[in-house]
């Protein structure tokens, strides 16, 4: 499909909404917690659509995608984003996964390796037992039940470096953190992020992989990206001077890293 169509596909109990743009080999962009494909990557599309078919799915809990409301698993989300890829192209795709989307991308490669050509894992993690990350995610989740404004302010503090946050006016800030409103789907994704652990999958990843760490990440400290790299055989690694939300804070550097690796 081409243009600005908004198709959907059915995967198990979910109706998965996705968008495709461009033409050429498939590039599947998998968003993070509380976001959508458009929210994380929409402003980057023109960097890829001249020579790729970009596929932007919204997995369960995000966008127009609907499911049965049960607790989320990485297996479900991987099947959903690959379902969008299946609907868009018969050929293997490159996958870029950001934050929780990085774990979904790894699970996709583990479940259906024949559908995945290369992986780019941005600001992801491998383990669920790191105390610093657990404290951050637990407080994020509990603030949603206490005060929506505190929930929004808390996650905003963790998404950006102080210097970048200081440059934003109020309107730009609200656009950048559009996923910070309390949504039931986001809470399900946070809960998955607390428990998700992919350590046993990493040594089995057999496709070329780039791991991108965000040097000043306060939500998922950069050590987690370093661990991903060390655990995936033959992977490539680089770090970007950015906070967690690197698609917003350092988009040019992220695009350059992705394009250099995929080309």
Protein backbone atom coordinates (compact mmCIF):
# COMPACT_ATOMS: atom_id res chain seq x y z
CA UNK A 1 0.00 0.00 0.00
CA UNK A 2 1.13 3.55 -0.66
CA UNK A 3 0.24 7.02 0.51
CA UNK A 4 -1.54 7.99 3.70
CA UNK A 5 -3.83 5.01 4.02
CA UNK A 6 -4.78 3.82 7.51
CA UNK A 7 -5.40 0.08 7.10
CA UNK A 8 -5.75 -2.52 9.80
CA UNK A 9 -5.20 -6.23 10.19
CA UNK A 10 -6.43 -8.83 12.67
CA UNK A 11 -3.93 -10.69 14.86
CA UNK A 12 -5.52 -13.05 17.40
CA UNK A 13 -7.90 -10.88 19.49
CA UNK A 14 -6.41 -7.58 18.29
CA UNK A 15 -7.35 -5.29 15.45
CA UNK A 16 -4.00 -3.71 14.66
CA UNK A 17 -3.95 -0.30 13.00
CA UNK A 18 -0.92 0.65 10.97
CA UNK A 19 0.21 3.04 8.27
CA UNK A 20 2.51 2.62 5.30
CA UNK A 21 4.42 5.22 3.33
CA UNK A 22 6.96 5.09 0.53
CA UNK A 23 8.11 2.19 -1.60
CA UNK A 24 10.99 -0.23 -1.59
CA UNK A 25 12.25 -2.73 1.02
CA UNK A 26 10.19 -2.83 4.21
CA UNK A 27 11.20 -0.81 7.28
CA UNK A 28 9.09 -1.58 10.34
CA UNK A 29 9.22 1.16 13.00
CA UNK A 30 8.08 0.00 16.46
CA UNK A 31 7.16 2.69 19.00
CA UNK A 32 7.66 2.90 22.75
CA UNK A 33 5.38 2.99 25.79
CA UNK A 34 2.52 5.47 25.67
CA UNK A 35 3.29 6.48 22.10
CA UNK A 36 2.14 5.55 18.59
CA UNK A 37 4.06 4.97 15.41
CA UNK A 38 3.31 8.51 14.32
CA UNK A 39 4.21 10.04 17.70
CA UNK A 40 7.69 8.49 17.80
CA UNK A 41 8.53 8.44 14.11
CA UNK A 42 6.12 10.58 12.10
CA UNK A 43 8.54 13.52 11.86
CA UNK A 44 11.29 11.18 10.58
CA UNK A 45 9.40 9.49 7.75
CA UNK A 46 10.68 11.66 4.91
CA UNK A 47 14.20 10.50 5.77
CA UNK A 48 13.29 6.94 4.76
CA UNK A 49 10.32 6.89 2.40
CA UNK A 50 12.32 7.83 -0.70
CA UNK A 51 13.76 4.32 -0.84
CA UNK A 52 11.77 2.21 1.63
CA UNK A 53 8.25 1.13 2.43
CA UNK A 54 7.91 2.38 6.00
CA UNK A 55 5.41 0.47 8.14
CA UNK A 56 4.13 2.20 11.29
CA UNK A 57 2.01 -0.13 13.46
CA UNK A 58 0.34 0.76 16.75
CA UNK A 59 0.51 -2.25 19.05
CA UNK A 60 -2.09 -3.01 21.72
CA UNK A 61 -2.65 -0.13 24.14
CA UNK A 62 -1.82 2.53 21.56
CA UNK A 63 -3.56 4.46 18.81
CA UNK A 64 -6.58 2.90 17.16
CA UNK A 65 -5.51 -0.67 17.89
CA UNK A 66 -8.01 -2.62 19.99
CA UNK A 67 -7.76 -5.92 21.83
CA UNK A 68 -9.39 -7.80 24.71
CA UNK A 69 -7.76 -5.65 27.42
CA UNK A 70 -5.83 -8.49 29.05
CA UNK A 71 -2.28 -8.05 30.39
CA UNK A 72 0.17 -7.57 27.55
CA UNK A 73 3.00 -9.89 26.57
CA UNK A 74 5.97 -9.31 24.29
CA UNK A 75 4.85 -12.31 22.24
CA UNK A 76 1.48 -10.65 21.54
CA UNK A 77 3.02 -7.34 20.57
CA UNK A 78 5.65 -8.98 18.36
CA UNK A 79 2.92 -10.90 16.53
CA UNK A 80 0.94 -7.69 16.10
CA UNK A 81 3.74 -5.64 14.55
CA UNK A 82 4.75 -8.56 12.32
CA UNK A 83 1.10 -8.89 11.33
CA UNK A 84 1.27 -5.33 10.04
CA UNK A 85 4.49 -6.17 8.20
CA UNK A 86 2.86 -9.26 6.68
CA UNK A 87 -0.01 -7.14 5.41
CA UNK A 88 2.36 -4.65 3.82
CA UNK A 89 5.01 -6.86 2.22
CA UNK A 90 5.96 -10.49 1.61
CA UNK A 91 9.68 -9.73 1.93
CA UNK A 92 11.75 -9.71 5.14
CA UNK A 93 11.82 -6.32 6.86
CA UNK A 94 14.31 -4.26 8.81
CA UNK A 95 12.96 -3.40 12.28
CA UNK A 96 13.72 -0.33 14.36
CA UNK A 97 12.44 -0.64 17.93
CA UNK A 98 12.52 2.21 20.44
CA UNK A 99 12.34 1.65 24.23
CA UNK A 100 9.70 -1.07 24.85
CA UNK A 101 9.62 -1.38 21.06
CA UNK A 102 13.22 -2.62 21.16
CA UNK A 103 12.12 -5.60 23.25
CA UNK A 104 9.21 -6.19 20.89
CA UNK A 105 11.66 -6.15 17.97
CA UNK A 106 13.90 -8.73 19.63
CA UNK A 107 10.89 -10.95 20.30
CA UNK A 108 9.82 -10.60 16.68
CA UNK A 109 13.25 -11.72 15.48
CA UNK A 110 13.20 -14.64 17.91
CA UNK A 111 9.70 -15.81 16.96
CA UNK A 112 9.90 -15.38 13.21
CA UNK A 113 13.53 -14.92 12.16
CA UNK A 114 12.68 -15.48 8.49
CA UNK A 115 10.68 -12.21 8.50
CA UNK A 116 13.50 -10.06 9.90
CA UNK A 117 16.49 -8.86 7.90
CA UNK A 118 18.17 -6.48 10.38
CA UNK A 119 17.46 -4.97 13.80
CA UNK A 120 18.05 -1.51 15.28
CA UNK A 121 17.44 -1.42 19.04
CA UNK A 122 17.19 2.08 20.52
CA UNK A 123 17.14 2.77 24.29
CA UNK A 124 16.08 -0.77 25.11
CA UNK A 125 16.86 -3.15 27.95
CA UNK A 126 17.29 -6.87 28.61
CA UNK A 127 16.48 -7.50 32.28
CA UNK A 128 13.62 -6.87 34.70
CA UNK A 129 15.63 -7.07 37.91
CA UNK A 130 17.57 -3.80 37.77
CA UNK A 131 16.57 -1.84 40.89
CA UNK A 132 17.09 1.63 39.38
CA UNK A 133 14.85 0.90 36.41
CA UNK A 134 12.24 -0.88 38.55
CA UNK A 135 12.00 2.08 40.89
CA UNK A 136 11.52 4.44 37.96
CA UNK A 137 8.83 2.36 36.27
CA UNK A 138 7.03 1.54 39.53
CA UNK A 139 6.80 5.22 40.53
CA UNK A 140 5.65 6.11 36.99
CA UNK A 141 2.86 3.53 37.20
CA UNK A 142 1.74 4.43 40.75
CA UNK A 143 1.61 8.18 40.05
CA UNK A 144 -1.06 7.46 37.45
CA UNK A 145 -3.34 6.40 40.30
CA UNK A 146 -2.42 9.39 42.46
CA UNK A 147 -2.37 12.48 40.23
CA UNK A 148 -2.38 12.63 36.40
CA UNK A 149 -0.44 15.90 36.39
CA UNK A 150 2.31 14.50 38.62
CA UNK A 151 2.41 11.40 36.39
CA UNK A 152 2.94 13.60 33.34
CA UNK A 153 5.54 15.83 34.99
CA UNK A 154 7.47 12.88 36.39
CA UNK A 155 7.87 11.04 33.10
CA UNK A 156 8.70 14.29 31.30
CA UNK A 157 11.61 14.86 33.69
CA UNK A 158 12.97 11.40 32.84
CA UNK A 159 12.51 11.61 29.08
CA UNK A 160 14.83 14.54 28.33
CA UNK A 161 18.16 15.98 29.33
CA UNK A 162 17.91 19.18 31.43
CA UNK A 163 19.48 21.25 28.65
CA UNK A 164 16.99 20.08 26.03
CA UNK A 165 14.01 20.50 28.35
CA UNK A 166 15.08 24.08 29.04
CA UNK A 167 14.82 24.93 25.33
CA UNK A 168 11.17 23.90 24.98
CA UNK A 169 8.30 26.35 25.14
CA UNK A 170 5.03 25.09 26.60
CA UNK A 171 3.41 24.13 23.29
CA UNK A 172 6.48 22.30 21.99
CA UNK A 173 6.80 20.51 25.32
CA UNK A 174 3.21 19.23 25.19
CA UNK A 175 3.69 18.05 21.60
CA UNK A 176 6.87 16.20 22.52
CA UNK A 177 5.29 14.38 25.48
CA UNK A 178 1.94 13.64 23.87
CA UNK A 179 2.02 10.17 25.43
CA UNK A 180 2.19 11.51 28.97
CA UNK A 181 -1.58 11.60 29.53
CA UNK A 182 -2.91 8.74 31.67
CA UNK A 183 -4.37 6.13 29.32
CA UNK A 184 -5.38 2.60 30.28
CA UNK A 185 -3.39 1.21 27.36
CA UNK A 186 -0.27 3.06 28.49
CA UNK A 187 -0.62 1.64 32.00
CA UNK A 188 -0.77 -1.89 30.54
CA UNK A 189 2.41 -1.12 28.59
CA UNK A 190 4.19 0.23 31.69
CA UNK A 191 3.26 -2.95 33.56
CA UNK A 192 4.71 -5.03 30.71
CA UNK A 193 7.85 -2.87 30.78
CA UNK A 194 8.28 -3.65 34.47
CA UNK A 195 8.19 -7.41 33.97
CA UNK A 196 9.65 -7.92 30.48
CA UNK A 197 12.95 -9.80 30.37
CA UNK A 198 14.61 -10.92 27.13
CA UNK A 199 18.01 -12.10 28.34
CA UNK A 200 17.49 -15.67 27.17
CA UNK A 201 16.60 -14.53 23.65
CA UNK A 202 19.64 -12.34 22.99
CA UNK A 203 22.33 -15.00 22.33
CA UNK A 204 20.01 -16.53 19.71
CA UNK A 205 19.60 -13.38 17.62
CA UNK A 206 21.19 -14.20 14.28
CA UNK A 207 20.51 -11.09 12.20
CA UNK A 208 22.76 -8.03 11.90
CA UNK A 209 21.91 -5.75 14.83
CA UNK A 210 22.70 -2.16 15.77
CA UNK A 211 22.21 -1.18 19.41
CA UNK A 212 21.84 2.54 20.11
CA UNK A 213 22.29 3.79 23.67
CA UNK A 214 21.27 7.23 24.92
CA UNK A 215 24.13 8.55 27.00
CA UNK A 216 22.02 10.68 29.36
CA UNK A 217 18.98 8.39 29.62
CA UNK A 218 17.33 8.72 33.05
CA UNK A 219 14.47 6.28 32.39
CA UNK A 220 16.46 3.35 30.97
CA UNK A 221 20.12 4.06 31.87
CA UNK A 222 22.59 3.56 29.03
CA UNK A 223 24.13 0.55 30.77
CA UNK A 224 21.09 -1.43 29.59
CA UNK A 225 21.92 -0.75 25.95
CA UNK A 226 25.51 -1.76 26.58
CA UNK A 227 24.28 -5.04 28.02
CA UNK A 228 22.08 -5.65 24.97
CA UNK A 229 25.10 -5.14 22.71
CA UNK A 230 27.31 -7.44 24.76
CA UNK A 231 24.65 -10.18 24.70
CA UNK A 232 23.82 -10.14 20.96
CA UNK A 233 26.49 -11.92 18.90
CA UNK A 234 28.20 -9.68 16.38
CA UNK A 235 26.10 -6.62 17.15
CA UNK A 236 27.25 -3.06 16.47
CA UNK A 237 27.00 -0.36 19.14
CA UNK A 238 26.92 3.41 19.31
CA UNK A 239 25.82 6.04 21.79
CA UNK A 240 24.01 9.32 21.15
CA UNK A 241 24.20 12.40 23.36
CA UNK A 242 20.54 12.42 24.34
CA UNK A 243 18.00 11.63 26.99
CA UNK A 244 15.60 8.71 26.61
CA UNK A 245 13.28 10.25 24.01
CA UNK A 246 15.98 10.42 21.36
CA UNK A 247 13.54 10.60 18.39
CA UNK A 248 12.52 14.02 19.71
CA UNK A 249 15.75 15.22 21.29
CA UNK A 250 18.34 14.13 18.70
CA UNK A 251 16.40 13.07 15.59
CA UNK A 252 19.17 13.89 13.10
CA UNK A 253 21.71 11.77 14.95
CA UNK A 254 19.24 8.90 15.25
CA UNK A 255 18.34 9.01 11.56
CA UNK A 256 22.02 9.11 10.61
CA UNK A 257 22.76 6.07 12.77
CA UNK A 258 19.86 4.09 11.31
CA UNK A 259 20.56 5.01 7.69
CA UNK A 260 24.30 4.33 8.00
CA UNK A 261 23.64 0.89 9.44
CA UNK A 262 20.87 -0.12 7.04
CA UNK A 263 22.71 1.13 3.97
